Amino acid sequence: MKEKETISDEKTGYRPYLAVWAALLALTGITVYVAGIDLGRYGIIVNILIASVKASLVVYIFMHLKHESRMLKAMLFFVLSTLTVTIVLTFMDVLYRY
């Protein structure tokens, strides 16, 4: 019976980590640029989307989510979906309160 390979058994090298690091730097630059633009009420949505992409990259690559089981990925998806619905409902309440 073959044992499950561990993360240390894989020889991925530094290339994916450097690519993600460069993407995180680029997204940080985009965040700073977007902060200087007046987007009105859509500014916070754009910044949350950029932050979500950055967090996804960190979780998937640096925290090795890509090597985890489907069950853990499904649980994380469920938790993030619940959090997203809560945040959207909160923003909708504030948007239509006045």
PDB file of N, CA and C in Angstrom:
ATOM      1  N   MET A   1       0.840  -1.175   0.000  1.00  0.00           N
ATOM      2  CA  MET A   1       0.000   0.000   0.000  1.00  0.00           C
ATOM      3  C   MET A   1       0.890   1.245   0.000  1.00  0.00           C
ATOM      4  N   LYS A   2       0.602   2.152  -0.873  1.00  0.00           N
ATOM      5  CA  LYS A   2       1.392   3.376  -0.999  1.00  0.00           C
ATOM      6  C   LYS A   2       0.935   4.405   0.022  1.00  0.00           C
ATOM      7  N   GLU A   3       1.900   4.962   0.749  1.00  0.00           N
ATOM      8  CA  GLU A   3       1.569   5.995   1.722  1.00  0.00           C
ATOM      9  C   GLU A   3       1.369   7.327   1.020  1.00  0.00           C
ATOM     10  N   LYS A   4       0.577   8.165   1.639  1.00  0.00           N
ATOM     11  CA  LYS A   4       0.318   9.487   1.081  1.00  0.00           C
ATOM     12  C   LYS A   4       1.601  10.309   1.123  1.00  0.00           C
ATOM     13  N   GLU A   5       1.880  10.965   0.002  1.00  0.00           N
ATOM     14  CA  GLU A   5       3.070  11.800  -0.054  1.00  0.00           C
ATOM     15  C   GLU A   5       2.869  13.052   0.784  1.00  0.00           C
ATOM     16  N   THR A   6       3.932  13.488   1.396  1.00  0.00           N
ATOM     17  CA  THR A   6       3.862  14.708   2.183  1.00  0.00           C
ATOM     18  C   THR A   6       4.371  15.873   1.352  1.00  0.00           C
ATOM     19  N   ILE A   7       4.185  17.036   1.883  1.00  0.00           N
ATOM     20  CA  ILE A   7       4.608  18.243   1.175  1.00  0.00           C
ATOM     21  C   ILE A   7       6.113  18.254   0.977  1.00  0.00           C
ATOM     22  N   SER A   8       6.861  17.744   1.954  1.00  0.00           N
ATOM     23  CA  SER A   8       8.317  17.771   1.849  1.00  0.00           C
ATOM     24  C   SER A   8       8.823  16.817   0.771  1.00  0.00           C
ATOM     25  N   ASP A   9       8.002  15.820   0.360  1.00  0.00           N
ATOM     26  CA  ASP A   9       8.413  14.893  -0.676  1.00  0.00           C
ATOM     27  C   ASP A   9       8.355  15.513  -2.067  1.00  0.00           C
ATOM     28  N   GLU A  10       7.611  16.550  -2.212  1.00  0.00           N
ATOM     29  CA  GLU A  10       7.454  17.169  -3.520  1.00  0.00           C
ATOM     30  C   GLU A  10       8.592  18.135  -3.797  1.00  0.00           C
ATOM     31  N   LYS A  11       9.028  18.147  -5.027  1.00  0.00           N
ATOM     32  CA  LYS A  11      10.128  19.023  -5.432  1.00  0.00           C
ATOM     33  C   LYS A  11       9.588  20.102  -6.359  1.00  0.00           C
ATOM     34  N   THR A  12       8.918  21.082  -5.773  1.00  0.00           N
ATOM     35  CA  THR A  12       8.321  22.128  -6.601  1.00  0.00           C
ATOM     36  C   THR A  12       9.286  23.267  -6.880  1.00  0.00           C
ATOM     37  N   GLY A  13      10.235  23.478  -6.016  1.00  0.00           N
ATOM     38  CA  GLY A  13      11.164  24.571  -6.214  1.00  0.00           C
ATOM     39  C   GLY A  13      10.588  25.888  -5.728  1.00  0.00           C
ATOM     40  N   TYR A  14      11.310  26.953  -6.041  1.00  0.00           N
ATOM     41  CA  TYR A  14      10.912  28.273  -5.566  1.00  0.00           C
ATOM     42  C   TYR A  14      10.104  29.067  -6.578  1.00  0.00           C
ATOM     43  N   ARG A  15       9.992  28.574  -7.790  1.00  0.00           N
ATOM     44  CA  ARG A  15       9.336  29.334  -8.851  1.00  0.00           C
ATOM     45  C   ARG A  15       7.879  29.686  -8.529  1.00  0.00           C
ATOM     46  N   PRO A  16       7.040  28.759  -8.039  1.00  0.00           N
ATOM     47  CA  PRO A  16       5.652  29.152  -7.718  1.00  0.00           C
ATOM     48  C   PRO A  16       5.577  30.187  -6.593  1.00  0.00           C
ATOM     49  N   TYR A  17       6.468  30.063  -5.627  1.00  0.00           N
ATOM     50  CA  TYR A  17       6.471  31.013  -4.513  1.00  0.00           C
ATOM     51  C   TYR A  17       6.888  32.407  -4.974  1.00  0.00           C
ATOM     52  N   LEU A  18       7.860  32.468  -5.852  1.00  0.00           N
ATOM     53  CA  LEU A  18       8.280  33.772  -6.376  1.00  0.00           C
ATOM     54  C   LEU A  18       7.190  34.388  -7.257  1.00  0.00           C
ATOM     55  N   ALA A  19       6.490  33.554  -8.023  1.00  0.00           N
ATOM     56  CA  ALA A  19       5.401  34.062  -8.860  1.00  0.00           C
ATOM     57  C   ALA A  19       4.266  34.611  -7.991  1.00  0.00           C
ATOM     58  N   VAL A  20       3.926  33.902  -6.919  1.00  0.00           N
ATOM     59  CA  VAL A  20       2.871  34.382  -6.021  1.00  0.00           C
ATOM     60  C   VAL A  20       3.319  35.641  -5.307  1.00  0.00           C
ATOM     61  N   TRP A  21       4.576  35.699  -4.912  1.00  0.00           N
ATOM     62  CA  TRP A  21       5.105  36.900  -4.258  1.00  0.00           C
ATOM     63  C   TRP A  21       5.013  38.099  -5.197  1.00  0.00           C
ATOM     64  N   ALA A  22       5.374  37.892  -6.462  1.00  0.00           N
ATOM     65  CA  ALA A  22       5.271  38.981  -7.449  1.00  0.00           C
ATOM     66  C   ALA A  22       3.816  39.391  -7.655  1.00  0.00           C
ATOM     67  N   ALA A  23       2.915  38.412  -7.681  1.00  0.00           N
ATOM     68  CA  ALA A  23       1.486  38.731  -7.836  1.00  0.00           C
ATOM     69  C   ALA A  23       0.969  39.508  -6.632  1.00  0.00           C
ATOM     70  N   LEU A  24       1.415  39.124  -5.428  1.00  0.00           N
ATOM     71  CA  LEU A  24       0.996  39.855  -4.230  1.00  0.00           C
ATOM     72  C   LEU A  24       1.517  41.288  -4.242  1.00  0.00           C
ATOM     73  N   LEU A  25       2.745  41.473  -4.703  1.00  0.00           N
ATOM     74  CA  LEU A  25       3.285  42.834  -4.824  1.00  0.00           C
ATOM     75  C   LEU A  25       2.478  43.650  -5.839  1.00  0.00           C
ATOM     76  N   ALA A  26       2.160  43.037  -6.962  1.00  0.00           N
ATOM     77  CA  ALA A  26       1.376  43.735  -7.989  1.00  0.00           C
ATOM     78  C   ALA A  26      -0.012  44.089  -7.464  1.00  0.00           C
ATOM     79  N   LEU A  27      -0.647  43.158  -6.772  1.00  0.00           N
ATOM     80  CA  LEU A  27      -1.979  43.433  -6.228  1.00  0.00           C
ATOM     81  C   LEU A  27      -1.933  44.505  -5.137  1.00  0.00           C
ATOM     82  N   THR A  28      -0.854  44.553  -4.382  1.00  0.00           N
ATOM     83  CA  THR A  28      -0.705  45.616  -3.388  1.00  0.00           C
ATOM     84  C   THR A  28      -0.573  46.971  -4.081  1.00  0.00           C
ATOM     85  N   GLY A  29       0.194  46.999  -5.167  1.00  0.00           N
ATOM     86  CA  GLY A  29       0.308  48.232  -5.947  1.00  0.00           C
ATOM     87  C   GLY A  29      -1.024  48.660  -6.532  1.00  0.00           C
ATOM     88  N   ILE A  30      -1.803  47.700  -7.007  1.00  0.00           N
ATOM     89  CA  ILE A  30      -3.132  48.003  -7.541  1.00  0.00           C
ATOM     90  C   ILE A  30      -4.042  48.535  -6.439  1.00  0.00           C
ATOM     91  N   THR A  31      -3.925  47.959  -5.243  1.00  0.00           N
ATOM     92  CA  THR A  31      -4.723  48.432  -4.109  1.00  0.00           C
ATOM     93  C   THR A  31      -4.404  49.890  -3.791  1.00  0.00           C
ATOM     94  N   VAL A  32      -3.127  50.229  -3.776  1.00  0.00           N
ATOM     95  CA  VAL A  32      -2.719  51.610  -3.494  1.00  0.00           C
ATOM     96  C   VAL A  32      -3.212  52.538  -4.595  1.00  0.00           C
ATOM     97  N   TYR A  33      -3.115  52.099  -5.839  1.00  0.00           N
ATOM     98  CA  TYR A  33      -3.577  52.921  -6.956  1.00  0.00           C
ATOM     99  C   TYR A  33      -5.085  53.151  -6.885  1.00  0.00           C
ATOM    100  N   VAL A  34      -5.845  52.089  -6.609  1.00  0.00           N
ATOM    101  CA  VAL A  34      -7.299  52.192  -6.552  1.00  0.00           C
ATOM    102  C   VAL A  34      -7.729  53.076  -5.380  1.00  0.00           C
ATOM    103  N   ALA A  35      -6.948  53.076  -4.305  1.00  0.00           N
ATOM    104  CA  ALA A  35      -7.292  53.915  -3.152  1.00  0.00           C
ATOM    105  C   ALA A  35      -7.248  55.399  -3.512  1.00  0.00           C
ATOM    106  N   GLY A  36      -6.454  55.765  -4.498  1.00  0.00           N
ATOM    107  CA  GLY A  36      -6.372  57.163  -4.917  1.00  0.00           C
ATOM    108  C   GLY A  36      -7.433  57.582  -5.906  1.00  0.00           C
ATOM    109  N   ILE A  37      -8.194  56.633  -6.407  1.00  0.00           N
ATOM    110  CA  ILE A  37      -9.246  56.920  -7.378  1.00  0.00           C
ATOM    111  C   ILE A  37     -10.583  57.020  -6.651  1.00  0.00           C
ATOM    112  N   ASP A  38     -11.390  57.992  -7.052  1.00  0.00           N
ATOM    113  CA  ASP A  38     -12.715  58.130  -6.450  1.00  0.00           C
ATOM    114  C   ASP A  38     -13.692  57.229  -7.193  1.00  0.00           C
ATOM    115  N   LEU A  39     -13.989  56.077  -6.585  1.00  0.00           N
ATOM    116  CA  LEU A  39     -14.936  55.138  -7.183  1.00  0.00           C
ATOM    117  C   LEU A  39     -16.298  55.186  -6.516  1.00  0.00           C
ATOM    118  N   GLY A  40     -16.460  56.099  -5.598  1.00  0.00           N
ATOM    119  CA  GLY A  40     -17.743  56.215  -4.910  1.00  0.00           C
ATOM    120  C   GLY A  40     -17.994  55.016  -4.017  1.00  0.00           C
ATOM    121  N   ARG A  41     -19.204  54.518  -4.079  1.00  0.00           N
ATOM    122  CA  ARG A  41     -19.562  53.390  -3.220  1.00  0.00           C
ATOM    123  C   ARG A  41     -18.958  52.078  -3.704  1.00  0.00           C
ATOM    124  N   TYR A  42     -18.406  52.047  -4.919  1.00  0.00           N
ATOM    125  CA  TYR A  42     -17.806  50.817  -5.434  1.00  0.00           C
ATOM    126  C   TYR A  42     -16.356  50.648  -5.005  1.00  0.00           C
ATOM    127  N   GLY A  43     -15.781  51.652  -4.382  1.00  0.00           N
ATOM    128  CA  GLY A  43     -14.397  51.574  -3.939  1.00  0.00           C
ATOM    129  C   GLY A  43     -14.169  50.458  -2.938  1.00  0.00           C
ATOM    130  N   ILE A  44     -15.079  50.320  -1.994  1.00  0.00           N
ATOM    131  CA  ILE A  44     -14.914  49.279  -0.986  1.00  0.00           C
ATOM    132  C   ILE A  44     -15.085  47.892  -1.599  1.00  0.00           C
ATOM    133  N   ILE A  45     -15.949  47.757  -2.590  1.00  0.00           N
ATOM    134  CA  ILE A  45     -16.144  46.463  -3.243  1.00  0.00           C
ATOM    135  C   ILE A  45     -14.879  46.061  -3.996  1.00  0.00           C
ATOM    136  N   VAL A  46     -14.279  47.000  -4.703  1.00  0.00           N
ATOM    137  CA  VAL A  46     -13.047  46.721  -5.444  1.00  0.00           C
ATOM    138  C   VAL A  46     -11.933  46.328  -4.482  1.00  0.00           C
ATOM    139  N   ASN A  47     -11.790  47.059  -3.383  1.00  0.00           N
ATOM    140  CA  ASN A  47     -10.738  46.739  -2.421  1.00  0.00           C
ATOM    141  C   ASN A  47     -10.969  45.398  -1.749  1.00  0.00           C
ATOM    142  N   ILE A  48     -12.204  45.042  -1.464  1.00  0.00           N
ATOM    143  CA  ILE A  48     -12.491  43.734  -0.871  1.00  0.00           C
ATOM    144  C   ILE A  48     -12.197  42.622  -1.876  1.00  0.00           C
ATOM    145  N   LEU A  49     -12.503  42.827  -3.141  1.00  0.00           N
ATOM    146  CA  LEU A  49     -12.190  41.817  -4.155  1.00  0.00           C
ATOM    147  C   LEU A  49     -10.687  41.610  -4.297  1.00  0.00           C
ATOM    148  N   ILE A  50      -9.927  42.694  -4.304  1.00  0.00           N
ATOM    149  CA  ILE A  50      -8.474  42.582  -4.399  1.00  0.00           C
ATOM    150  C   ILE A  50      -7.914  41.873  -3.165  1.00  0.00           C
ATOM    151  N   ALA A  51      -8.410  42.219  -1.989  1.00  0.00           N
ATOM    152  CA  ALA A  51      -7.952  41.567  -0.758  1.00  0.00           C
ATOM    153  C   ALA A  51      -8.327  40.087  -0.752  1.00  0.00           C
ATOM    154  N   SER A  52      -9.471  39.749  -1.327  1.00  0.00           N
ATOM    155  CA  SER A  52      -9.877  38.338  -1.401  1.00  0.00           C
ATOM    156  C   SER A  52      -8.954  37.537  -2.307  1.00  0.00           C
ATOM    157  N   VAL A  53      -8.565  38.130  -3.416  1.00  0.00           N
ATOM    158  CA  VAL A  53      -7.639  37.449  -4.323  1.00  0.00           C
ATOM    159  C   VAL A  53      -6.287  37.250  -3.632  1.00  0.00           C
ATOM    160  N   LYS A  54      -5.814  38.274  -2.931  1.00  0.00           N
ATOM    161  CA  LYS A  54      -4.536  38.148  -2.227  1.00  0.00           C
ATOM    162  C   LYS A  54      -4.609  37.079  -1.136  1.00  0.00           C
ATOM    163  N   ALA A  55      -5.684  37.056  -0.384  1.00  0.00           N
ATOM    164  CA  ALA A  55      -5.842  36.048   0.672  1.00  0.00           C
ATOM    165  C   ALA A  55      -5.938  34.647   0.075  1.00  0.00           C
ATOM    166  N   SER A  56      -6.617  34.516  -1.053  1.00  0.00           N
ATOM    167  CA  SER A  56      -6.728  33.212  -1.709  1.00  0.00           C
ATOM    168  C   SER A  56      -5.369  32.698  -2.163  1.00  0.00           C
ATOM    169  N   LEU A  57      -4.561  33.566  -2.708  1.00  0.00           N
ATOM    170  CA  LEU A  57      -3.212  33.162  -3.112  1.00  0.00           C
ATOM    171  C   LEU A  57      -2.384  32.694  -1.923  1.00  0.00           C
ATOM    172  N   VAL A  58      -2.461  33.420  -0.845  1.00  0.00           N
ATOM    173  CA  VAL A  58      -1.690  33.045   0.351  1.00  0.00           C
ATOM    174  C   VAL A  58      -2.153  31.706   0.895  1.00  0.00           C
ATOM    175  N   VAL A  59      -3.459  31.520   1.006  1.00  0.00           N
ATOM    176  CA  VAL A  59      -3.992  30.263   1.558  1.00  0.00           C
ATOM    177  C   VAL A  59      -3.686  29.099   0.627  1.00  0.00           C
ATOM    178  N   TYR A  60      -3.858  29.273  -0.652  1.00  0.00           N
ATOM    179  CA  TYR A  60      -3.700  28.170  -1.598  1.00  0.00           C
ATOM    180  C   TYR A  60      -2.240  27.765  -1.774  1.00  0.00           C
ATOM    181  N   ILE A  61      -1.344  28.735  -1.877  1.00  0.00           N
ATOM    182  CA  ILE A  61       0.059  28.417  -2.165  1.00  0.00           C
ATOM    183  C   ILE A  61       0.888  28.321  -0.886  1.00  0.00           C
ATOM    184  N   PHE A  62       0.940  29.398  -0.103  1.00  0.00           N
ATOM    185  CA  PHE A  62       1.824  29.417   1.058  1.00  0.00           C
ATOM    186  C   PHE A  62       1.346  28.528   2.199  1.00  0.00           C
ATOM    187  N   MET A  63       0.034  28.363   2.343  1.00  0.00           N
ATOM    188  CA  MET A  63      -0.488  27.503   3.403  1.00  0.00           C
ATOM    189  C   MET A  63      -0.811  26.105   2.885  1.00  0.00           C
ATOM    190  N   HIS A  64      -0.447  25.831   1.633  1.00  0.00           N
ATOM    191  CA  HIS A  64      -0.513  24.505   1.014  1.00  0.00           C
ATOM    192  C   HIS A  64      -1.911  23.906   0.986  1.00  0.00           C
ATOM    193  N   LEU A  65      -2.919  24.726   0.751  1.00  0.00           N
ATOM    194  CA  LEU A  65      -4.279  24.207   0.634  1.00  0.00           C
ATOM    195  C   LEU A  65      -4.416  23.294  -0.581  1.00  0.00           C
ATOM    196  N   LYS A  66      -3.606  23.516  -1.592  1.00  0.00           N
ATOM    197  CA  LYS A  66      -3.699  22.694  -2.796  1.00  0.00           C
ATOM    198  C   LYS A  66      -3.332  21.236  -2.532  1.00  0.00           C
ATOM    199  N   HIS A  67      -2.684  20.963  -1.410  1.00  0.00           N
ATOM    200  CA  HIS A  67      -2.299  19.595  -1.075  1.00  0.00           C
ATOM    201  C   HIS A  67      -3.260  18.937  -0.084  1.00  0.00           C
ATOM    202  N   GLU A  68      -4.300  19.628   0.314  1.00  0.00           N
ATOM    203  CA  GLU A  68      -5.224  19.097   1.320  1.00  0.00           C
ATOM    204  C   GLU A  68      -6.355  18.301   0.672  1.00  0.00           C
ATOM    205  N   SER A  69      -7.123  17.634   1.516  1.00  0.00           N
ATOM    206  CA  SER A  69      -8.213  16.786   1.030  1.00  0.00           C
ATOM    207  C   SER A  69      -9.395  17.632   0.551  1.00  0.00           C
ATOM    208  N   ARG A  70     -10.284  16.986  -0.178  1.00  0.00           N
ATOM    209  CA  ARG A  70     -11.474  17.677  -0.676  1.00  0.00           C
ATOM    210  C   ARG A  70     -12.388  18.111   0.465  1.00  0.00           C
ATOM    211  N   MET A  71     -12.416  17.324   1.530  1.00  0.00           N
ATOM    212  CA  MET A  71     -13.286  17.648   2.665  1.00  0.00           C
ATOM    213  C   MET A  71     -12.875  18.978   3.300  1.00  0.00           C
ATOM    214  N   LEU A  72     -11.580  19.180   3.501  1.00  0.00           N
ATOM    215  CA  LEU A  72     -11.107  20.434   4.079  1.00  0.00           C
ATOM    216  C   LEU A  72     -11.394  21.612   3.150  1.00  0.00           C
ATOM    217  N   LYS A  73     -11.204  21.400   1.852  1.00  0.00           N
ATOM    218  CA  LYS A  73     -11.508  22.455   0.887  1.00  0.00           C
ATOM    219  C   LYS A  73     -12.997  22.790   0.886  1.00  0.00           C
ATOM    220  N   ALA A  74     -13.842  21.772   0.994  1.00  0.00           N
ATOM    221  CA  ALA A  74     -15.287  21.995   1.033  1.00  0.00           C
ATOM    222  C   ALA A  74     -15.693  22.750   2.298  1.00  0.00           C
ATOM    223  N   MET A  75     -15.093  22.391   3.430  1.00  0.00           N
ATOM    224  CA  MET A  75     -15.410  23.095   4.681  1.00  0.00           C
ATOM    225  C   MET A  75     -14.970  24.548   4.605  1.00  0.00           C
ATOM    226  N   LEU A  76     -13.798  24.802   4.051  1.00  0.00           N
ATOM    227  CA  LEU A  76     -13.321  26.177   3.903  1.00  0.00           C
ATOM    228  C   LEU A  76     -14.239  26.958   2.971  1.00  0.00           C
ATOM    229  N   PHE A  77     -14.686  26.341   1.886  1.00  0.00           N
ATOM    230  CA  PHE A  77     -15.614  26.997   0.966  1.00  0.00           C
ATOM    231  C   PHE A  77     -16.921  27.348   1.669  1.00  0.00           C
ATOM    232  N   PHE A  78     -17.447  26.435   2.487  1.00  0.00           N
ATOM    233  CA  PHE A  78     -18.684  26.680   3.209  1.00  0.00           C
ATOM    234  C   PHE A  78     -18.525  27.847   4.187  1.00  0.00           C
ATOM    235  N   VAL A  79     -17.425  27.875   4.917  1.00  0.00           N
ATOM    236  CA  VAL A  79     -17.188  28.953   5.879  1.00  0.00           C
ATOM    237  C   VAL A  79     -17.048  30.300   5.167  1.00  0.00           C
ATOM    238  N   LEU A  80     -16.287  30.323   4.081  1.00  0.00           N
ATOM    239  CA  LEU A  80     -16.109  31.577   3.355  1.00  0.00           C
ATOM    240  C   LEU A  80     -17.397  32.035   2.680  1.00  0.00           C
ATOM    241  N   SER A  81     -18.210  31.097   2.230  1.00  0.00           N
ATOM    242  CA  SER A  81     -19.505  31.457   1.647  1.00  0.00           C
ATOM    243  C   SER A  81     -20.423  32.075   2.700  1.00  0.00           C
ATOM    244  N   THR A  82     -20.437  31.489   3.884  1.00  0.00           N
ATOM    245  CA  THR A  82     -21.248  32.034   4.970  1.00  0.00           C
ATOM    246  C   THR A  82     -20.773  33.435   5.354  1.00  0.00           C
ATOM    247  N   LEU A  83     -19.467  33.614   5.436  1.00  0.00           N
ATOM    248  CA  LEU A  83     -18.908  34.932   5.749  1.00  0.00           C
ATOM    249  C   LEU A  83     -19.257  35.946   4.661  1.00  0.00           C
ATOM    250  N   THR A  84     -19.187  35.533   3.409  1.00  0.00           N
ATOM    251  CA  THR A  84     -19.517  36.430   2.299  1.00  0.00           C
ATOM    252  C   THR A  84     -20.979  36.856   2.345  1.00  0.00           C
ATOM    253  N   VAL A  85     -21.863  35.924   2.605  1.00  0.00           N
ATOM    254  CA  VAL A  85     -23.291  36.258   2.695  1.00  0.00           C
ATOM    255  C   VAL A  85     -23.537  37.224   3.845  1.00  0.00           C
ATOM    256  N   THR A  86     -22.891  37.004   4.969  1.00  0.00           N
ATOM    257  CA  THR A  86     -23.047  37.905   6.115  1.00  0.00           C
ATOM    258  C   THR A  86     -22.561  39.316   5.795  1.00  0.00           C
ATOM    259  N   ILE A  87     -21.427  39.412   5.143  1.00  0.00           N
ATOM    260  CA  ILE A  87     -20.883  40.727   4.787  1.00  0.00           C
ATOM    261  C   ILE A  87     -21.783  41.419   3.770  1.00  0.00           C
ATOM    262  N   VAL A  88     -22.251  40.682   2.769  1.00  0.00           N
ATOM    263  CA  VAL A  88     -23.125  41.276   1.745  1.00  0.00           C
ATOM    264  C   VAL A  88     -24.428  41.753   2.372  1.00  0.00           C
ATOM    265  N   LEU A  89     -25.012  40.960   3.243  1.00  0.00           N
ATOM    266  CA  LEU A  89     -26.248  41.389   3.895  1.00  0.00           C
ATOM    267  C   LEU A  89     -26.030  42.620   4.767  1.00  0.00           C
ATOM    268  N   THR A  90     -24.887  42.705   5.431  1.00  0.00           N
ATOM    269  CA  THR A  90     -24.577  43.884   6.242  1.00  0.00           C
ATOM    270  C   THR A  90     -24.450  45.123   5.361  1.00  0.00           C
ATOM    271  N   PHE A  91     -23.739  44.989   4.225  1.00  0.00           N
ATOM    272  CA  PHE A  91     -23.593  46.129   3.325  1.00  0.00           C
ATOM    273  C   PHE A  91     -24.935  46.540   2.722  1.00  0.00           C
ATOM    274  N   MET A  92     -25.773  45.574   2.415  1.00  0.00           N
ATOM    275  CA  MET A  92     -27.087  45.899   1.856  1.00  0.00           C
ATOM    276  C   MET A  92     -27.936  46.635   2.895  1.00  0.00           C
ATOM    277  N   ASP A  93     -27.826  46.230   4.149  1.00  0.00           N
ATOM    278  CA  ASP A  93     -28.573  46.911   5.211  1.00  0.00           C
ATOM    279  C   ASP A  93     -28.119  48.360   5.346  1.00  0.00           C
ATOM    280  N   VAL A  94     -26.811  48.571   5.330  1.00  0.00           N
ATOM    281  CA  VAL A  94     -26.292  49.941   5.470  1.00  0.00           C
ATOM    282  C   VAL A  94     -26.636  50.760   4.225  1.00  0.00           C
ATOM    283  N   LEU A  95     -26.591  50.134   3.058  1.00  0.00           N
ATOM    284  CA  LEU A  95     -26.850  50.849   1.806  1.00  0.00           C
ATOM    285  C   LEU A  95     -28.287  51.355   1.729  1.00  0.00           C
ATOM    286  N   TYR A  96     -29.244  50.552   2.170  1.00  0.00           N
ATOM    287  CA  TYR A  96     -30.656  50.931   2.038  1.00  0.00           C
ATOM    288  C   TYR A  96     -31.269  51.404   3.344  1.00  0.00           C
ATOM    289  N   ARG A  97     -30.453  51.733   4.318  1.00  0.00           N
ATOM    290  CA  ARG A  97     -30.976  52.173   5.613  1.00  0.00           C
ATOM    291  C   ARG A  97     -31.548  53.581   5.529  1.00  0.00           C
ATOM    292  N   TYR A  98     -30.954  54.469   4.776  1.00  0.00           N
ATOM    293  CA  TYR A  98     -31.383  55.863   4.759  1.00  0.00           C
ATOM    294  C   TYR A  98     -32.272  56.173   3.614  1.00  0.00           C
TER     295      TYR A  98
END
